[in-house]
Amino acid sequence: MSVIIILLAVSITVAGFFLFAFLWSVKSGQFEDDYSPGSRILFDDKPSSTKTK
C-alpha cells in the first residue's frame, strides 16, 4: 500500500514539473510563431552566394 502512495507522489511531482515547463515556454514566447512552420515547407530556400571551387 505504501508503494502506491510513493508512486502517486512521484507522478504528481513529474506532472507538476511538466506543467511548469509548459507554462514557462508559453510565457517566454516559444509558441508565438504559428504561421511560418506550416508554410515554410512550401517555399524553396534561397541559394547561397558563396561558390566552392
N, C-alpha and C. Protein backbone atom coordinates (compact mmCIF):
# COMPACT_ATOMS: atom_id res chain seq x y z
N MET A 1 0.82 -1.20 0.00
CA MET A 1 0.00 0.00 0.00
C MET A 1 0.86 1.26 0.00
N SER A 2 2.01 1.22 0.68
CA SER A 2 2.86 2.41 0.72
C SER A 2 3.52 2.69 -0.63
N VAL A 3 3.66 1.64 -1.46
CA VAL A 3 4.23 1.84 -2.80
C VAL A 3 3.29 2.69 -3.65
N ILE A 4 2.01 2.49 -3.51
CA ILE A 4 1.04 3.28 -4.27
C ILE A 4 1.12 4.75 -3.88
N ILE A 5 1.31 5.04 -2.64
CA ILE A 5 1.42 6.43 -2.18
C ILE A 5 2.70 7.06 -2.73
N ILE A 6 3.79 6.30 -2.73
CA ILE A 6 5.05 6.82 -3.28
C ILE A 6 4.92 7.08 -4.77
N LEU A 7 4.33 6.13 -5.50
CA LEU A 7 4.15 6.32 -6.94
C LEU A 7 3.22 7.49 -7.26
N LEU A 8 2.20 7.66 -6.45
CA LEU A 8 1.28 8.79 -6.64
C LEU A 8 2.00 10.11 -6.41
N ALA A 9 2.82 10.18 -5.38
CA ALA A 9 3.57 11.42 -5.10
C ALA A 9 4.57 11.71 -6.22
N VAL A 10 5.25 10.68 -6.71
CA VAL A 10 6.22 10.88 -7.79
C VAL A 10 5.52 11.32 -9.07
N SER A 11 4.39 10.72 -9.39
CA SER A 11 3.68 11.08 -10.61
C SER A 11 3.12 12.50 -10.54
N ILE A 12 2.66 12.92 -9.38
CA ILE A 12 2.18 14.30 -9.23
C ILE A 12 3.35 15.28 -9.35
N THR A 13 4.50 14.92 -8.83
CA THR A 13 5.68 15.77 -8.95
C THR A 13 6.11 15.91 -10.40
N VAL A 14 6.15 14.81 -11.13
CA VAL A 14 6.54 14.86 -12.55
C VAL A 14 5.52 15.66 -13.36
N ALA A 15 4.24 15.46 -13.09
CA ALA A 15 3.20 16.22 -13.79
C ALA A 15 3.31 17.71 -13.49
N GLY A 16 3.63 18.06 -12.25
CA GLY A 16 3.83 19.46 -11.89
C GLY A 16 5.02 20.07 -12.59
N PHE A 17 6.09 19.29 -12.73
CA PHE A 17 7.27 19.77 -13.46
C PHE A 17 6.93 20.05 -14.91
N PHE A 18 6.22 19.13 -15.57
CA PHE A 18 5.86 19.35 -16.97
C PHE A 18 4.88 20.51 -17.13
N LEU A 19 3.99 20.70 -16.18
CA LEU A 19 3.10 21.86 -16.23
C LEU A 19 3.88 23.15 -16.10
N PHE A 20 4.83 23.18 -15.18
CA PHE A 20 5.68 24.35 -15.01
C PHE A 20 6.48 24.63 -16.29
N ALA A 21 7.06 23.59 -16.89
CA ALA A 21 7.84 23.77 -18.12
C ALA A 21 6.97 24.28 -19.26
N PHE A 22 5.75 23.78 -19.36
CA PHE A 22 4.85 24.23 -20.41
C PHE A 22 4.46 25.69 -20.21
N LEU A 23 4.10 26.06 -18.99
CA LEU A 23 3.72 27.44 -18.72
C LEU A 23 4.89 28.39 -18.92
N TRP A 24 6.10 27.97 -18.56
CA TRP A 24 7.28 28.80 -18.78
C TRP A 24 7.53 29.00 -20.28
N SER A 25 7.35 27.94 -21.08
CA SER A 25 7.60 28.07 -22.52
C SER A 25 6.54 28.95 -23.19
N VAL A 26 5.31 28.89 -22.71
CA VAL A 26 4.28 29.77 -23.26
C VAL A 26 4.58 31.22 -22.90
N LYS A 27 5.00 31.44 -21.66
CA LYS A 27 5.29 32.81 -21.21
C LYS A 27 6.50 33.39 -21.92
N SER A 28 7.49 32.56 -22.25
CA SER A 28 8.70 33.06 -22.89
C SER A 28 8.55 33.19 -24.41
N GLY A 29 7.40 32.81 -24.98
CA GLY A 29 7.15 33.04 -26.39
C GLY A 29 7.54 31.91 -27.31
N GLN A 30 7.62 30.70 -26.83
CA GLN A 30 8.01 29.58 -27.68
C GLN A 30 6.92 29.24 -28.70
N PHE A 31 5.69 29.59 -28.44
CA PHE A 31 4.59 29.23 -29.32
C PHE A 31 4.01 30.45 -30.04
N GLU A 32 4.78 31.50 -30.20
CA GLU A 32 4.30 32.72 -30.82
C GLU A 32 4.10 32.56 -32.33
N ASP A 33 5.04 31.92 -33.01
CA ASP A 33 5.02 31.84 -34.46
C ASP A 33 4.29 30.58 -34.91
N ASP A 34 3.02 30.71 -35.19
CA ASP A 34 2.25 29.54 -35.61
C ASP A 34 1.99 29.51 -37.11
N TYR A 35 2.46 30.52 -37.85
CA TYR A 35 2.20 30.55 -39.29
C TYR A 35 3.35 29.98 -40.09
N SER A 36 4.57 30.41 -39.82
CA SER A 36 5.67 30.07 -40.70
C SER A 36 6.08 28.60 -40.69
N PRO A 37 6.00 27.84 -39.60
CA PRO A 37 6.41 26.44 -39.71
C PRO A 37 5.56 25.64 -40.71
N GLY A 38 4.28 25.95 -40.80
CA GLY A 38 3.43 25.23 -41.73
C GLY A 38 3.63 25.64 -43.17
N SER A 39 4.00 26.87 -43.41
CA SER A 39 4.16 27.34 -44.79
C SER A 39 5.61 27.36 -45.24
N ARG A 40 6.54 27.18 -44.34
CA ARG A 40 7.96 27.23 -44.71
C ARG A 40 8.33 26.09 -45.65
N ILE A 41 7.67 24.96 -45.55
CA ILE A 41 7.99 23.82 -46.40
C ILE A 41 7.56 24.05 -47.85
N LEU A 42 6.66 25.00 -48.08
CA LEU A 42 6.15 25.25 -49.42
C LEU A 42 7.09 26.09 -50.27
N PHE A 43 8.03 26.79 -49.66
CA PHE A 43 8.90 27.70 -50.38
C PHE A 43 10.32 27.15 -50.45
N ASP A 44 10.98 27.39 -51.60
CA ASP A 44 12.36 26.94 -51.77
C ASP A 44 13.31 27.83 -50.98
N ASP A 45 14.40 27.25 -50.55
CA ASP A 45 15.44 28.04 -49.89
C ASP A 45 16.19 28.85 -50.94
N LYS A 46 16.65 30.02 -50.54
CA LYS A 46 17.45 30.84 -51.43
C LYS A 46 18.83 30.21 -51.56
N PRO A 47 19.38 30.16 -52.78
CA PRO A 47 20.72 29.58 -52.91
C PRO A 47 21.76 30.49 -52.24
N SER A 48 22.78 29.86 -51.70
CA SER A 48 23.82 30.65 -51.04
C SER A 48 24.68 31.35 -52.08
N SER A 49 25.23 32.48 -51.71
CA SER A 49 26.02 33.28 -52.66
C SER A 49 27.47 32.84 -52.73
N THR A 50 27.92 31.98 -51.84
CA THR A 50 29.31 31.52 -51.87
C THR A 50 29.44 30.36 -52.83
N LYS A 51 30.51 30.39 -53.61
CA LYS A 51 30.75 29.34 -54.59
C LYS A 51 31.98 28.56 -54.15
N THR A 52 31.92 27.27 -54.25
CA THR A 52 33.08 26.43 -53.94
C THR A 52 33.78 26.04 -55.22
N LYS A 53 35.09 26.03 -55.18
CA LYS A 53 35.87 25.69 -56.39
C LYS A 53 36.42 24.31 -56.30
